[in-house]
Amino acid sequence: SANELISSAGIATPPTELIKTFERAKDFTEKNGWPVVLKLSSPEI
């Protein structure tokens, strides 16, 4: 949500998405390349 808000203001952000499976994560790397970073996403952290 924070990324979406910043992007909506015309600010450049790296490609990103939520993932649940390893297959989905691999699809992301095939599309965007290496290296990547994983982050927990929670409004409480």
PDB file of all heavy atoms in Angstrom:
ATOM      1  N   SER A   1       0.837  -1.206   0.000  1.00  0.00           N
ATOM      2  CA  SER A   1       0.000   0.000   0.000  1.00  0.00           C
ATOM      3  C   SER A   1       0.867   1.249   0.000  1.00  0.00           C
ATOM      4  O   SER A   1       0.575   2.231  -0.693  1.00  0.00           O
ATOM      5  CB  SER A   1      -0.926  -0.001   1.218  1.00  0.00           C
ATOM      6  OG  SER A   1      -1.826  -1.089   1.173  1.00  0.00           O
ATOM      7  N   ALA A   2       1.949   1.229   0.802  1.00  0.00           N
ATOM      8  CA  ALA A   2       2.862   2.370   0.833  1.00  0.00           C
ATOM      9  C   ALA A   2       3.525   2.549  -0.526  1.00  0.00           C
ATOM     10  O   ALA A   2       3.657   3.674  -1.027  1.00  0.00           O
ATOM     11  CB  ALA A   2       3.915   2.161   1.917  1.00  0.00           C
ATOM     12  N   ASN A   3       3.928   1.453  -1.140  1.00  0.00           N
ATOM     13  CA  ASN A   3       4.561   1.500  -2.448  1.00  0.00           C
ATOM     14  C   ASN A   3       3.599   2.068  -3.499  1.00  0.00           C
ATOM     15  O   ASN A   3       3.981   2.882  -4.343  1.00  0.00           O
ATOM     16  CB  ASN A   3       5.004   0.097  -2.856  1.00  0.00           C
ATOM     17  CG  ASN A   3       6.034   0.104  -3.962  1.00  0.00           C
ATOM     18  OD1 ASN A   3       7.209   0.295  -3.717  1.00  0.00           O
ATOM     19  ND2 ASN A   3       5.580  -0.097  -5.190  1.00  0.00           N
ATOM     20  N   GLU A   4       2.327   1.644  -3.412  1.00  0.00           N
ATOM     21  CA  GLU A   4       1.322   2.120  -4.361  1.00  0.00           C
ATOM     22  C   GLU A   4       1.098   3.626  -4.212  1.00  0.00           C
ATOM     23  O   GLU A   4       0.974   4.351  -5.199  1.00  0.00           O
ATOM     24  CB  GLU A   4       0.004   1.372  -4.130  1.00  0.00           C
ATOM     25  CG  GLU A   4      -1.107   1.800  -5.067  1.00  0.00           C
ATOM     26  CD  GLU A   4      -2.413   1.077  -4.779  1.00  0.00           C
ATOM     27  OE1 GLU A   4      -2.415   0.155  -3.934  1.00  0.00           O
ATOM     28  OE2 GLU A   4      -3.435   1.453  -5.380  1.00  0.00           O
ATOM     29  N   LEU A   5       1.066   4.099  -2.963  1.00  0.00           N
ATOM     30  CA  LEU A   5       0.867   5.525  -2.712  1.00  0.00           C
ATOM     31  C   LEU A   5       2.026   6.342  -3.268  1.00  0.00           C
ATOM     32  O   LEU A   5       1.827   7.365  -3.949  1.00  0.00           O
ATOM     33  CB  LEU A   5       0.716   5.770  -1.213  1.00  0.00           C
ATOM     34  CG  LEU A   5       0.582   7.230  -0.769  1.00  0.00           C
ATOM     35  CD1 LEU A   5      -0.678   7.847  -1.360  1.00  0.00           C
ATOM     36  CD2 LEU A   5       0.556   7.323   0.751  1.00  0.00           C
ATOM     37  N   ILE A   6       3.248   5.901  -2.993  1.00  0.00           N
ATOM     38  CA  ILE A   6       4.426   6.618  -3.485  1.00  0.00           C
ATOM     39  C   ILE A   6       4.458   6.607  -5.015  1.00  0.00           C
ATOM     40  O   ILE A   6       4.745   7.630  -5.653  1.00  0.00           O
ATOM     41  CB  ILE A   6       5.709   5.983  -2.907  1.00  0.00           C
ATOM     42  CG1 ILE A   6       5.780   6.185  -1.385  1.00  0.00           C
ATOM     43  CG2 ILE A   6       6.949   6.547  -3.575  1.00  0.00           C
ATOM     44  CD1 ILE A   6       5.896   7.619  -0.951  1.00  0.00           C
ATOM     45  N   SER A   7       4.158   5.468  -5.608  1.00  0.00           N
ATOM     46  CA  SER A   7       4.178   5.363  -7.071  1.00  0.00           C
ATOM     47  C   SER A   7       3.128   6.271  -7.707  1.00  0.00           C
ATOM     48  O   SER A   7       3.355   6.848  -8.773  1.00  0.00           O
ATOM     49  CB  SER A   7       3.917   3.913  -7.496  1.00  0.00           C
ATOM     50  OG  SER A   7       4.944   3.061  -7.043  1.00  0.00           O
ATOM     51  N   SER A   8       1.974   6.404  -7.043  1.00  0.00           N
ATOM     52  CA  SER A   8       0.903   7.226  -7.603  1.00  0.00           C
ATOM     53  C   SER A   8       1.288   8.698  -7.674  1.00  0.00           C
ATOM     54  O   SER A   8       0.656   9.466  -8.394  1.00  0.00           O
ATOM     55  CB  SER A   8      -0.368   7.068  -6.761  1.00  0.00           C
ATOM     56  OG  SER A   8      -0.230   7.688  -5.496  1.00  0.00           O
ATOM     57  N   ALA A   9       2.336   9.092  -6.926  1.00  0.00           N
ATOM     58  CA  ALA A   9       2.803  10.478  -6.965  1.00  0.00           C
ATOM     59  C   ALA A   9       3.862  10.683  -8.038  1.00  0.00           C
ATOM     60  O   ALA A   9       4.484  11.742  -8.100  1.00  0.00           O
ATOM     61  CB  ALA A   9       3.369  10.871  -5.603  1.00  0.00           C
ATOM     62  N   GLY A  10       4.079   9.675  -8.876  1.00  0.00           N
ATOM     63  CA  GLY A  10       5.059   9.796  -9.943  1.00  0.00           C
ATOM     64  C   GLY A  10       6.485   9.539  -9.504  1.00  0.00           C
ATOM     65  O   GLY A  10       7.432   9.940 -10.178  1.00  0.00           O
ATOM     66  N   ILE A  11       6.666   8.863  -8.364  1.00  0.00           N
ATOM     67  CA  ILE A  11       7.995   8.558  -7.827  1.00  0.00           C
ATOM     68  C   ILE A  11       8.386   7.143  -8.248  1.00  0.00           C
ATOM     69  O   ILE A  11       7.582   6.212  -8.135  1.00  0.00           O
ATOM     70  CB  ILE A  11       7.987   8.684  -6.292  1.00  0.00           C
ATOM     71  CG1 ILE A  11       7.696  10.138  -5.897  1.00  0.00           C
ATOM     72  CG2 ILE A  11       9.307   8.216  -5.699  1.00  0.00           C
ATOM     73  CD1 ILE A  11       7.426  10.328  -4.429  1.00  0.00           C
ATOM     74  N   ALA A  12       9.611   6.992  -8.729  1.00  0.00           N
ATOM     75  CA  ALA A  12      10.073   5.689  -9.215  1.00  0.00           C
ATOM     76  C   ALA A  12      10.241   4.708  -8.068  1.00  0.00           C
ATOM     77  O   ALA A  12      10.882   5.022  -7.056  1.00  0.00           O
ATOM     78  CB  ALA A  12      11.400   5.853  -9.961  1.00  0.00           C
ATOM     79  N   THR A  13       9.692   3.519  -8.199  1.00  0.00           N
ATOM     80  CA  THR A  13       9.866   2.437  -7.233  1.00  0.00           C
ATOM     81  C   THR A  13      10.269   1.171  -7.986  1.00  0.00           C
ATOM     82  O   THR A  13       9.836   0.948  -9.117  1.00  0.00           O
ATOM     83  CB  THR A  13       8.568   2.163  -6.444  1.00  0.00           C
ATOM     84  OG1 THR A  13       7.529   1.809  -7.368  1.00  0.00           O
ATOM     85  CG2 THR A  13       8.141   3.383  -5.655  1.00  0.00           C
ATOM     86  N   PRO A  14      11.097   0.318  -7.391  1.00  0.00           N
ATOM     87  CA  PRO A  14      11.498  -0.917  -8.071  1.00  0.00           C
ATOM     88  C   PRO A  14      10.301  -1.850  -8.252  1.00  0.00           C
ATOM     89  O   PRO A  14       9.335  -1.798  -7.468  1.00  0.00           O
ATOM     90  CB  PRO A  14      12.528  -1.532  -7.112  1.00  0.00           C
ATOM     91  CG  PRO A  14      12.926  -0.433  -6.185  1.00  0.00           C
ATOM     92  CD  PRO A  14      11.739   0.468  -6.078  1.00  0.00           C
ATOM     93  N   PRO A  15      10.334  -2.740  -9.245  1.00  0.00           N
ATOM     94  CA  PRO A  15       9.263  -3.729  -9.400  1.00  0.00           C
ATOM     95  C   PRO A  15       9.078  -4.530  -8.114  1.00  0.00           C
ATOM     96  O   PRO A  15      10.054  -4.918  -7.462  1.00  0.00           O
ATOM     97  CB  PRO A  15       9.763  -4.613 -10.545  1.00  0.00           C
ATOM     98  CG  PRO A  15      10.712  -3.741 -11.306  1.00  0.00           C
ATOM     99  CD  PRO A  15      11.357  -2.857 -10.287  1.00  0.00           C
ATOM    100  N   THR A  16       7.833  -4.777  -7.741  1.00  0.00           N
ATOM    101  CA  THR A  16       7.552  -5.484  -6.495  1.00  0.00           C
ATOM    102  C   THR A  16       6.176  -6.121  -6.549  1.00  0.00           C
ATOM    103  O   THR A  16       5.319  -5.687  -7.319  1.00  0.00           O
ATOM    104  CB  THR A  16       7.640  -4.519  -5.292  1.00  0.00           C
ATOM    105  OG1 THR A  16       7.573  -5.252  -4.084  1.00  0.00           O
ATOM    106  CG2 THR A  16       6.524  -3.499  -5.315  1.00  0.00           C
ATOM    107  N   GLU A  17       5.965  -7.157  -5.733  1.00  0.00           N
ATOM    108  CA  GLU A  17       4.641  -7.759  -5.592  1.00  0.00           C
ATOM    109  C   GLU A  17       4.633  -8.667  -4.362  1.00  0.00           C
ATOM    110  O   GLU A  17       5.682  -8.992  -3.796  1.00  0.00           O
ATOM    111  CB  GLU A  17       4.257  -8.555  -6.840  1.00  0.00           C
ATOM    112  CG  GLU A  17       5.106  -9.786  -7.099  1.00  0.00           C
ATOM    113  CD  GLU A  17       4.627 -10.553  -8.342  1.00  0.00           C
ATOM    114  OE1 GLU A  17       4.681  -9.990  -9.456  1.00  0.00           O
ATOM    115  OE2 GLU A  17       4.217 -11.723  -8.156  1.00  0.00           O
ATOM    116  N   LEU A  18       3.424  -9.042  -3.935  1.00  0.00           N
ATOM    117  CA  LEU A  18       3.286 -10.016  -2.864  1.00  0.00           C
ATOM    118  C   LEU A  18       3.377 -11.419  -3.444  1.00  0.00           C
ATOM    119  O   LEU A  18       2.863 -11.683  -4.533  1.00  0.00           O
ATOM    120  CB  LEU A  18       1.940  -9.848  -2.145  1.00  0.00           C
ATOM    121  CG  LEU A  18       1.773  -8.618  -1.246  1.00  0.00           C
ATOM    122  CD1 LEU A  18       0.382  -8.631  -0.615  1.00  0.00           C
ATOM    123  CD2 LEU A  18       2.839  -8.567  -0.167  1.00  0.00           C
ATOM    124  N   ILE A  19       4.019 -12.311  -2.701  1.00  0.00           N
ATOM    125  CA  ILE A  19       4.133 -13.704  -3.158  1.00  0.00           C
ATOM    126  C   ILE A  19       3.754 -14.646  -2.022  1.00  0.00           C
ATOM    127  O   ILE A  19       3.907 -14.316  -0.842  1.00  0.00           O
ATOM    128  CB  ILE A  19       5.569 -14.025  -3.632  1.00  0.00           C
ATOM    129  CG1 ILE A  19       6.580 -13.738  -2.513  1.00  0.00           C
ATOM    130  CG2 ILE A  19       5.904 -13.255  -4.885  1.00  0.00           C
ATOM    131  CD1 ILE A  19       7.958 -14.278  -2.776  1.00  0.00           C
ATOM    132  N   LYS A  20       3.279 -15.814  -2.402  1.00  0.00           N
ATOM    133  CA  LYS A  20       2.959 -16.843  -1.414  1.00  0.00           C
ATOM    134  C   LYS A  20       3.701 -18.149  -1.675  1.00  0.00           C
ATOM    135  O   LYS A  20       3.881 -18.959  -0.770  1.00  0.00           O
ATOM    136  CB  LYS A  20       1.449 -17.096  -1.401  1.00  0.00           C
ATOM    137  CG  LYS A  20       0.641 -15.922  -0.872  1.00  0.00           C
ATOM    138  CD  LYS A  20      -0.834 -16.276  -0.762  1.00  0.00           C
ATOM    139  CE  LYS A  20      -1.635 -15.122  -0.187  1.00  0.00           C
ATOM    140  NZ  LYS A  20      -3.082 -15.443  -0.064  1.00  0.00           N
ATOM    141  N   THR A  21       4.134 -18.343  -2.906  1.00  0.00           N
ATOM    142  CA  THR A  21       4.771 -19.612  -3.263  1.00  0.00           C
ATOM    143  C   THR A  21       6.125 -19.363  -3.922  1.00  0.00           C
ATOM    144  O   THR A  21       6.401 -18.275  -4.455  1.00  0.00           O
ATOM    145  CB  THR A  21       3.890 -20.400  -4.249  1.00  0.00           C
ATOM    146  OG1 THR A  21       3.796 -19.678  -5.486  1.00  0.00           O
ATOM    147  CG2 THR A  21       2.500 -20.619  -3.670  1.00  0.00           C
ATOM    148  N   PHE A  22       6.944 -20.421  -3.896  1.00  0.00           N
ATOM    149  CA  PHE A  22       8.252 -20.335  -4.530  1.00  0.00           C
ATOM    150  C   PHE A  22       8.105 -20.175  -6.040  1.00  0.00           C
ATOM    151  O   PHE A  22       8.875 -19.453  -6.680  1.00  0.00           O
ATOM    152  CB  PHE A  22       9.048 -21.594  -4.200  1.00  0.00           C
ATOM    153  CG  PHE A  22      10.393 -21.656  -4.874  1.00  0.00           C
ATOM    154  CD1 PHE A  22      11.345 -20.673  -4.661  1.00  0.00           C
ATOM    155  CD2 PHE A  22      10.702 -22.706  -5.729  1.00  0.00           C
ATOM    156  CE1 PHE A  22      12.580 -20.725  -5.276  1.00  0.00           C
ATOM    157  CE2 PHE A  22      11.935 -22.768  -6.350  1.00  0.00           C
ATOM    158  CZ  PHE A  22      12.879 -21.775  -6.122  1.00  0.00           C
ATOM    159  N   GLU A  23       7.106 -20.814  -6.617  1.00  0.00           N
ATOM    160  CA  GLU A  23       6.889 -20.719  -8.056  1.00  0.00           C
ATOM    161  C   GLU A  23       6.591 -19.279  -8.465  1.00  0.00           C
ATOM    162  O   GLU A  23       7.085 -18.792  -9.481  1.00  0.00           O
ATOM    163  CB  GLU A  23       5.738 -21.640  -8.486  1.00  0.00           C
ATOM    164  CG  GLU A  23       6.035 -23.115  -8.340  1.00  0.00           C
ATOM    165  CD  GLU A  23       7.267 -23.522  -9.145  1.00  0.00           C
ATOM    166  OE1 GLU A  23       7.418 -23.024 -10.281  1.00  0.00           O
ATOM    167  OE2 GLU A  23       8.073 -24.333  -8.630  1.00  0.00           O
ATOM    168  N   ARG A  24       5.786 -18.620  -7.646  1.00  0.00           N
ATOM    169  CA  ARG A  24       5.454 -17.225  -7.943  1.00  0.00           C
ATOM    170  C   ARG A  24       6.701 -16.333  -7.820  1.00  0.00           C
ATOM    171  O   ARG A  24       6.905 -15.412  -8.613  1.00  0.00           O
ATOM    172  CB  ARG A  24       4.364 -16.742  -6.982  1.00  0.00           C
ATOM    173  CG  ARG A  24       3.854 -15.349  -7.264  1.00  0.00           C
ATOM    174  CD  ARG A  24       3.131 -15.298  -8.593  1.00  0.00           C
ATOM    175  NE  ARG A  24       2.642 -13.965  -8.873  1.00  0.00           N
ATOM    176  CZ  ARG A  24       2.149 -13.588 -10.050  1.00  0.00           C
ATOM    177  NH1 ARG A  24       2.107 -14.450 -11.069  1.00  0.00           N
ATOM    178  NH2 ARG A  24       1.703 -12.361 -10.227  1.00  0.00           N
ATOM    179  N   ALA A  25       7.543 -16.655  -6.847  1.00  0.00           N
ATOM    180  CA  ALA A  25       8.775 -15.892  -6.672  1.00  0.00           C
ATOM    181  C   ALA A  25       9.709 -16.085  -7.870  1.00  0.00           C
ATOM    182  O   ALA A  25      10.345 -15.131  -8.334  1.00  0.00           O
ATOM    183  CB  ALA A  25       9.471 -16.318  -5.383  1.00  0.00           C
ATOM    184  N   LYS A  26       9.777 -17.333  -8.380  1.00  0.00           N
ATOM    185  CA  LYS A  26      10.623 -17.594  -9.560  1.00  0.00           C
ATOM    186  C   LYS A  26      10.103 -16.828 -10.776  1.00  0.00           C
ATOM    187  O   LYS A  26      10.897 -16.298 -11.557  1.00  0.00           O
ATOM    188  CB  LYS A  26      10.670 -19.090  -9.861  1.00  0.00           C
ATOM    189  CG  LYS A  26      11.559 -19.879  -8.939  1.00  0.00           C
ATOM    190  CD  LYS A  26      11.971 -21.223  -9.556  1.00  0.00           C
ATOM    191  CE  LYS A  26      10.736 -22.052  -9.940  1.00  0.00           C
ATOM    192  NZ  LYS A  26      11.145 -23.352 -10.528  1.00  0.00           N
ATOM    193  N   ASP A  27       8.796 -16.804 -10.930  1.00  0.00           N
ATOM    194  CA  ASP A  27       8.214 -16.046 -12.049  1.00  0.00           C
ATOM    195  C   ASP A  27       8.631 -14.573 -11.986  1.00  0.00           C
ATOM    196  O   ASP A  27       8.929 -13.954 -13.018  1.00  0.00           O
ATOM    197  CB  ASP A  27       6.687 -16.144 -12.012  1.00  0.00           C
ATOM    198  CG  ASP A  27       6.190 -17.547 -12.347  1.00  0.00           C
ATOM    199  OD1 ASP A  27       6.976 -18.328 -12.918  1.00  0.00           O
ATOM    200  OD2 ASP A  27       5.031 -17.857 -12.028  1.00  0.00           O
ATOM    201  N   PHE A  28       8.663 -14.052 -10.779  1.00  0.00           N
ATOM    202  CA  PHE A  28       9.041 -12.646 -10.608  1.00  0.00           C
ATOM    203  C   PHE A  28      10.493 -12.419 -11.052  1.00  0.00           C
ATOM    204  O   PHE A  28      10.799 -11.457 -11.756  1.00  0.00           O
ATOM    205  CB  PHE A  28       8.865 -12.228  -9.144  1.00  0.00           C
ATOM    206  CG  PHE A  28       9.243 -10.795  -8.868  1.00  0.00           C
ATOM    207  CD1 PHE A  28       8.318  -9.765  -8.998  1.00  0.00           C
ATOM    208  CD2 PHE A  28      10.538 -10.464  -8.476  1.00  0.00           C
ATOM    209  CE1 PHE A  28       8.674  -8.442  -8.739  1.00  0.00           C
ATOM    210  CE2 PHE A  28      10.910  -9.148  -8.221  1.00  0.00           C
ATOM    211  CZ  PHE A  28       9.965  -8.138  -8.357  1.00  0.00           C
ATOM    212  N   THR A  29      11.389 -13.345 -10.667  1.00  0.00           N
ATOM    213  CA  THR A  29      12.798 -13.168 -11.018  1.00  0.00           C
ATOM    214  C   THR A  29      13.028 -13.354 -12.511  1.00  0.00           C
ATOM    215  O   THR A  29      13.897 -12.705 -13.095  1.00  0.00           O
ATOM    216  CB  THR A  29      13.686 -14.144 -10.236  1.00  0.00           C
ATOM    217  OG1 THR A  29      13.299 -15.493 -10.527  1.00  0.00           O
ATOM    218  CG2 THR A  29      13.567 -13.894  -8.750  1.00  0.00           C
ATOM    219  N   GLU A  30      12.268 -14.246 -13.124  1.00  0.00           N
ATOM    220  CA  GLU A  30      12.404 -14.430 -14.574  1.00  0.00           C
ATOM    221  C   GLU A  30      11.996 -13.166 -15.321  1.00  0.00           C
ATOM    222  O   GLU A  30      12.550 -12.835 -16.369  1.00  0.00           O
ATOM    223  CB  GLU A  30      11.552 -15.617 -15.028  1.00  0.00           C
ATOM    224  CG  GLU A  30      12.110 -16.961 -14.564  1.00  0.00           C
ATOM    225  CD  GLU A  30      11.175 -18.110 -14.882  1.00  0.00           C
ATOM    226  OE1 GLU A  30      10.113 -17.849 -15.520  1.00  0.00           O
ATOM    227  OE2 GLU A  30      11.467 -19.255 -14.495  1.00  0.00           O
ATOM    228  N   LYS A  31      11.038 -12.451 -14.760  1.00  0.00           N
ATOM    229  CA  LYS A  31      10.542 -11.238 -15.406  1.00  0.00           C
ATOM    230  C   LYS A  31      11.434 -10.030 -15.114  1.00  0.00           C
ATOM    231  O   LYS A  31      11.668  -9.189 -15.997  1.00  0.00           O
ATOM    232  CB  LYS A  31       9.119 -10.958 -14.925  1.00  0.00           C
ATOM    233  CG  LYS A  31       8.488  -9.708 -15.529  1.00  0.00           C
ATOM    234  CD  LYS A  31       7.066  -9.517 -14.998  1.00  0.00           C
ATOM    235  CE  LYS A  31       6.436  -8.252 -15.563  1.00  0.00           C
ATOM    236  NZ  LYS A  31       5.058  -8.049 -15.029  1.00  0.00           N
ATOM    237  N   ASN A  32      11.978  -9.958 -13.892  1.00  0.00           N
ATOM    238  CA  ASN A  32      12.670  -8.738 -13.459  1.00  0.00           C
ATOM    239  C   ASN A  32      14.163  -8.920 -13.223  1.00  0.00           C
ATOM    240  O   ASN A  32      14.886  -7.938 -13.078  1.00  0.00           O
ATOM    241  CB  ASN A  32      12.027  -8.198 -12.174  1.00  0.00           C
ATOM    242  CG  ASN A  32      10.581  -7.802 -12.382  1.00  0.00           C
ATOM    243  OD1 ASN A  32      10.291  -6.805 -13.026  1.00  0.00           O
ATOM    244  ND2 ASN A  32       9.662  -8.597 -11.836  1.00  0.00           N
ATOM    245  N   GLY A  33      14.633 -10.183 -13.154  1.00  0.00           N
ATOM    246  CA  GLY A  33      16.054 -10.432 -12.989  1.00  0.00           C
ATOM    247  C   GLY A  33      16.493 -10.451 -11.534  1.00  0.00           C
ATOM    248  O   GLY A  33      15.731 -10.225 -10.616  1.00  0.00           O
ATOM    249  N   TRP A  34      17.799 -10.762 -11.362  1.00  0.00           N
ATOM    250  CA  TRP A  34      18.427 -10.812 -10.041  1.00  0.00           C
ATOM    251  C   TRP A  34      19.257  -9.536  -9.859  1.00  0.00           C
ATOM    252  O   TRP A  34      19.625  -8.910 -10.845  1.00  0.00           O
ATOM    253  CB  TRP A  34      19.322 -12.047  -9.915  1.00  0.00           C
ATOM    254  CG  TRP A  34      18.637 -13.352 -10.186  1.00  0.00           C
ATOM    255  CD1 TRP A  34      18.589 -14.017 -11.385  1.00  0.00           C
ATOM    256  CD2 TRP A  34      17.915 -14.157  -9.254  1.00  0.00           C
ATOM    257  NE1 TRP A  34      17.887 -15.191 -11.268  1.00  0.00           N
ATOM    258  CE2 TRP A  34      17.463 -15.306  -9.957  1.00  0.00           C
ATOM    259  CE3 TRP A  34      17.604 -14.036  -7.904  1.00  0.00           C
ATOM    260  CZ2 TRP A  34      16.711 -16.310  -9.363  1.00  0.00           C
ATOM    261  CZ3 TRP A  34      16.877 -15.049  -7.308  1.00  0.00           C
ATOM    262  CH2 TRP A  34      16.432 -16.162  -8.024  1.00  0.00           C
ATOM    263  N   PRO A  35      19.639  -9.238  -8.620  1.00  0.00           N
ATOM    264  CA  PRO A  35      19.225  -9.830  -7.344  1.00  0.00           C
ATOM    265  C   PRO A  35      17.859  -9.301  -6.898  1.00  0.00           C
ATOM    266  O   PRO A  35      17.362  -8.327  -7.464  1.00  0.00           O
ATOM    267  CB  PRO A  35      20.327  -9.372  -6.377  1.00  0.00           C
ATOM    268  CG  PRO A  35      20.796  -8.073  -6.946  1.00  0.00           C
ATOM    269  CD  PRO A  35      20.668  -8.198  -8.430  1.00  0.00           C
ATOM    270  N   VAL A  36      17.304  -9.969  -5.880  1.00  0.00           N
ATOM    271  CA  VAL A  36      16.023  -9.536  -5.323  1.00  0.00           C
ATOM    272  C   VAL A  36      16.141  -9.482  -3.802  1.00  0.00           C
ATOM    273  O   VAL A  36      17.113  -9.955  -3.208  1.00  0.00           O
ATOM    274  CB  VAL A  36      14.872 -10.480  -5.734  1.00  0.00           C
ATOM    275  CG1 VAL A  36      14.646 -10.443  -7.225  1.00  0.00           C
ATOM    276  CG2 VAL A  36      15.128 -11.904  -5.240  1.00  0.00           C
ATOM    277  N   VAL A  37      15.133  -8.910  -3.178  1.00  0.00           N
ATOM    278  CA  VAL A  37      15.064  -8.838  -1.722  1.00  0.00           C
ATOM    279  C   VAL A  37      13.672  -9.292  -1.288  1.00  0.00           C
ATOM    280  O   VAL A  37      12.693  -9.057  -1.988  1.00  0.00           O
ATOM    281  CB  VAL A  37      15.356  -7.396  -1.218  1.00  0.00           C
ATOM    282  CG1 VAL A  37      14.409  -6.399  -1.854  1.00  0.00           C
ATOM    283  CG2 VAL A  37      15.272  -7.314   0.287  1.00  0.00           C
ATOM    284  N   LEU A  38      13.610  -9.975  -0.150  1.00  0.00           N
ATOM    285  CA  LEU A  38      12.331 -10.360   0.439  1.00  0.00           C
ATOM    286  C   LEU A  38      12.092  -9.538   1.700  1.00  0.00           C
ATOM    287  O   LEU A  38      13.014  -9.306   2.493  1.00  0.00           O
ATOM    288  CB  LEU A  38      12.307 -11.848   0.797  1.00  0.00           C
ATOM    289  CG  LEU A  38      12.363 -12.857  -0.343  1.00  0.00           C
ATOM    290  CD1 LEU A  38      12.199 -14.283   0.210  1.00  0.00           C
ATOM    291  CD2 LEU A  38      11.297 -12.591  -1.395  1.00  0.00           C
ATOM    292  N   LYS A  39      10.838  -9.113   1.888  1.00  0.00           N
ATOM    293  CA  LYS A  39      10.480  -8.316   3.067  1.00  0.00           C
ATOM    294  C   LYS A  39       9.144  -8.788   3.616  1.00  0.00           C
ATOM    295  O   LYS A  39       8.240  -9.155   2.845  1.00  0.00           O
ATOM    296  CB  LYS A  39      10.353  -6.823   2.701  1.00  0.00           C
ATOM    297  CG  LYS A  39      11.562  -6.209   2.058  1.00  0.00           C
ATOM    298  CD  LYS A  39      11.269  -4.759   1.667  1.00  0.00           C
ATOM    299  CE  LYS A  39      12.443  -4.132   0.943  1.00  0.00           C
ATOM    300  NZ  LYS A  39      12.150  -2.733   0.534  1.00  0.00           N
ATOM    301  N   LEU A  40       9.031  -8.771   4.937  1.00  0.00           N
ATOM    302  CA  LEU A  40       7.723  -8.973   5.554  1.00  0.00           C
ATOM    303  C   LEU A  40       6.889  -7.725   5.322  1.00  0.00           C
ATOM    304  O   LEU A  40       7.394  -6.597   5.368  1.00  0.00           O
ATOM    305  CB  LEU A  40       7.853  -9.226   7.057  1.00  0.00           C
ATOM    306  CG  LEU A  40       8.523 -10.533   7.478  1.00  0.00           C
ATOM    307  CD1 LEU A  40       8.599 -10.610   8.998  1.00  0.00           C
ATOM    308  CD2 LEU A  40       7.768 -11.741   6.928  1.00  0.00           C
ATOM    309  N   SER A  41       5.596  -7.935   5.074  1.00  0.00           N
ATOM    310  CA  SER A  41       4.700  -6.810   4.833  1.00  0.00           C
ATOM    311  C   SER A  41       3.564  -6.863   5.835  1.00  0.00           C
ATOM    312  O   SER A  41       2.733  -7.767   5.807  1.00  0.00           O
ATOM    313  CB  SER A  41       4.142  -6.865   3.399  1.00  0.00           C
ATOM    314  OG  SER A  41       3.221  -5.812   3.176  1.00  0.00           O
ATOM    315  N   SER A  42       3.566  -5.888   6.764  1.00  0.00           N
ATOM    316  CA  SER A  42       2.524  -5.826   7.789  1.00  0.00           C
ATOM    317  C   SER A  42       2.377  -4.399   8.277  1.00  0.00           C
ATOM    318  O   SER A  42       3.388  -3.711   8.505  1.00  0.00           O
ATOM    319  CB  SER A  42       2.867  -6.742   8.968  1.00  0.00           C
ATOM    320  OG  SER A  42       1.979  -6.505  10.059  1.00  0.00           O
ATOM    321  N   PRO A  43       1.145  -3.918   8.483  1.00  0.00           N
ATOM    322  CA  PRO A  43       0.960  -2.565   9.017  1.00  0.00           C
ATOM    323  C   PRO A  43       1.437  -2.418  10.455  1.00  0.00           C
ATOM    324  O   PRO A  43       1.564  -1.306  10.951  1.00  0.00           O
ATOM    325  CB  PRO A  43      -0.555  -2.344   8.904  1.00  0.00           C
ATOM    326  CG  PRO A  43      -1.144  -3.710   8.884  1.00  0.00           C
ATOM    327  CD  PRO A  43      -0.149  -4.566   8.176  1.00  0.00           C
ATOM    328  N   GLU A  44       1.708  -3.538  11.122  1.00  0.00           N
ATOM    329  CA  GLU A  44       2.160  -3.487  12.512  1.00  0.00           C
ATOM    330  C   GLU A  44       3.676  -3.483  12.641  1.00  0.00           C
ATOM    331  O   GLU A  44       4.205  -3.343  13.730  1.00  0.00           O
ATOM    332  CB  GLU A  44       1.580  -4.674  13.295  1.00  0.00           C
ATOM    333  CG  GLU A  44       0.058  -4.652  13.402  1.00  0.00           C
ATOM    334  CD  GLU A  44      -0.449  -3.381  14.056  1.00  0.00           C
ATOM    335  OE1 GLU A  44       0.087  -2.999  15.119  1.00  0.00           O
ATOM    336  OE2 GLU A  44      -1.363  -2.743  13.502  1.00  0.00           O
ATOM    337  N   ILE A  45       4.376  -3.673  11.523  1.00  0.00           N
ATOM    338  CA  ILE A  45       5.844  -3.671  11.564  1.00  0.00           C
ATOM    339  C   ILE A  45       6.343  -2.478  10.767  1.00  0.00           C
ATOM    340  O   ILE A  45       6.289  -2.473   9.534  1.00  0.00           O
ATOM    341  CB  ILE A  45       6.429  -4.978  10.989  1.00  0.00           C
ATOM    342  CG1 ILE A  45       5.911  -6.190  11.769  1.00  0.00           C
ATOM    343  CG2 ILE A  45       7.948  -4.942  11.036  1.00  0.00           C
ATOM    344  CD1 ILE A  45       6.396  -7.508  11.233  1.00  0.00           C
TER     345      ILE A  45
END
